[in-house]
Protein backbone atom coordinates (compact mmCIF):
# COMPACT_ATOMS: atom_id res chain seq x y z
CA MET A 1 99.33 130.44 98.58
CA SER A 2 95.79 130.65 99.25
CA ASP A 3 93.57 133.80 101.22
CA HIS A 4 92.90 131.74 104.37
CA LEU A 5 96.50 129.53 105.09
CA LYS A 6 97.70 133.45 105.36
CA GLU A 7 94.57 134.21 107.71
CA LYS A 8 95.41 130.78 109.32
CA THR A 9 98.79 132.16 110.66
CA ASP A 10 100.48 132.37 113.29
CA ALA A 11 100.30 136.10 114.47
CA ARG A 12 103.81 136.37 114.90
CA PHE A 13 104.80 135.69 111.78
CA LYS A 14 102.59 136.99 108.59
CA HIS A 15 105.61 138.59 108.07
CA LEU A 16 107.31 136.05 106.84
CA ILE A 17 105.08 134.84 104.10
CA GLY A 18 105.84 134.30 101.06
CA LYS A 19 109.71 134.97 102.21
CA LYS A 20 112.63 132.34 102.28
CA VAL A 21 112.44 130.78 106.22
CA GLU A 22 114.40 128.37 108.00
CA PHE A 23 113.23 125.58 111.21
CA LYS A 24 113.89 123.02 112.71
CA ASP A 25 111.68 119.03 112.34
CA ASP A 26 110.74 117.78 115.21
CA LYS A 27 114.41 115.00 115.01
CA GLY A 28 117.12 118.62 114.97
CA MET A 29 116.78 118.46 111.00
CA LYS A 30 117.42 122.02 109.60
CA ARG A 31 114.83 122.30 107.13
CA VAL A 32 114.35 125.63 104.60
CA GLY A 33 111.63 126.16 102.38
CA ILE A 34 109.54 129.53 100.79
CA LEU A 35 106.81 129.85 103.63
CA GLU A 36 102.56 129.96 103.11
CA PHE A 37 101.29 128.83 106.40
CA ALA A 38 102.35 128.62 110.81
CA GLY A 39 100.27 127.37 112.58
CA ILE A 40 98.27 125.02 114.72
CA ASN A 41 96.78 122.99 112.07
CA ASP A 42 93.52 121.88 113.87
CA LEU A 43 91.81 120.30 111.27
CA LEU A 44 94.38 117.28 110.93
CA HIS A 45 96.75 116.55 113.72
CA GLY A 46 96.48 119.40 115.77
CA GLN A 47 100.10 120.25 116.25
CA PHE A 48 101.83 123.53 115.10
CA GLN A 49 102.40 123.05 111.06
CA VAL A 50 105.15 125.33 108.70
CA THR A 51 103.39 124.25 105.10
CA ALA A 52 107.37 125.42 103.03
CA SER A 53 107.99 125.53 99.20
CA ARG A 54 104.15 123.31 99.09
CA CYS A 55 105.53 120.89 102.37
CA PRO A 56 103.81 120.77 105.26
CA ILE A 57 105.94 119.59 108.08
CA TRP A 58 104.97 119.31 111.65
CA PRO A 59 104.95 118.89 113.85
CA VAL A 60 107.65 122.09 114.64
CA ASP A 61 108.94 124.33 117.26
CA PRO A 62 107.86 127.97 116.93
CA LYS A 63 110.72 129.13 118.36
CA THR A 64 112.70 127.04 116.14
CA ILE A 65 111.26 128.57 112.73
CA ASN A 66 113.82 132.32 111.10
CA GLU A 67 114.18 134.53 108.20
CA TYR A 68 116.55 132.83 106.28
CA LYS A 69 119.96 134.17 106.18
CA GLN A 70 122.91 133.09 103.66
């Protein structure tokens, strides 16, 4: 994982980098993956984005991001 992504991750979610998380996309679909980035992507679209298991998803409501518990 890129140090740049970790640096740009919202402080509320830095402790979850590298951990399995769950969150909901804008259609309410639950997603699960290893967190690589969570924050505003100013370069591409200016929306809150989660990149989990190398898959960028946006827009995401940050309130839906939690560590995954089986």
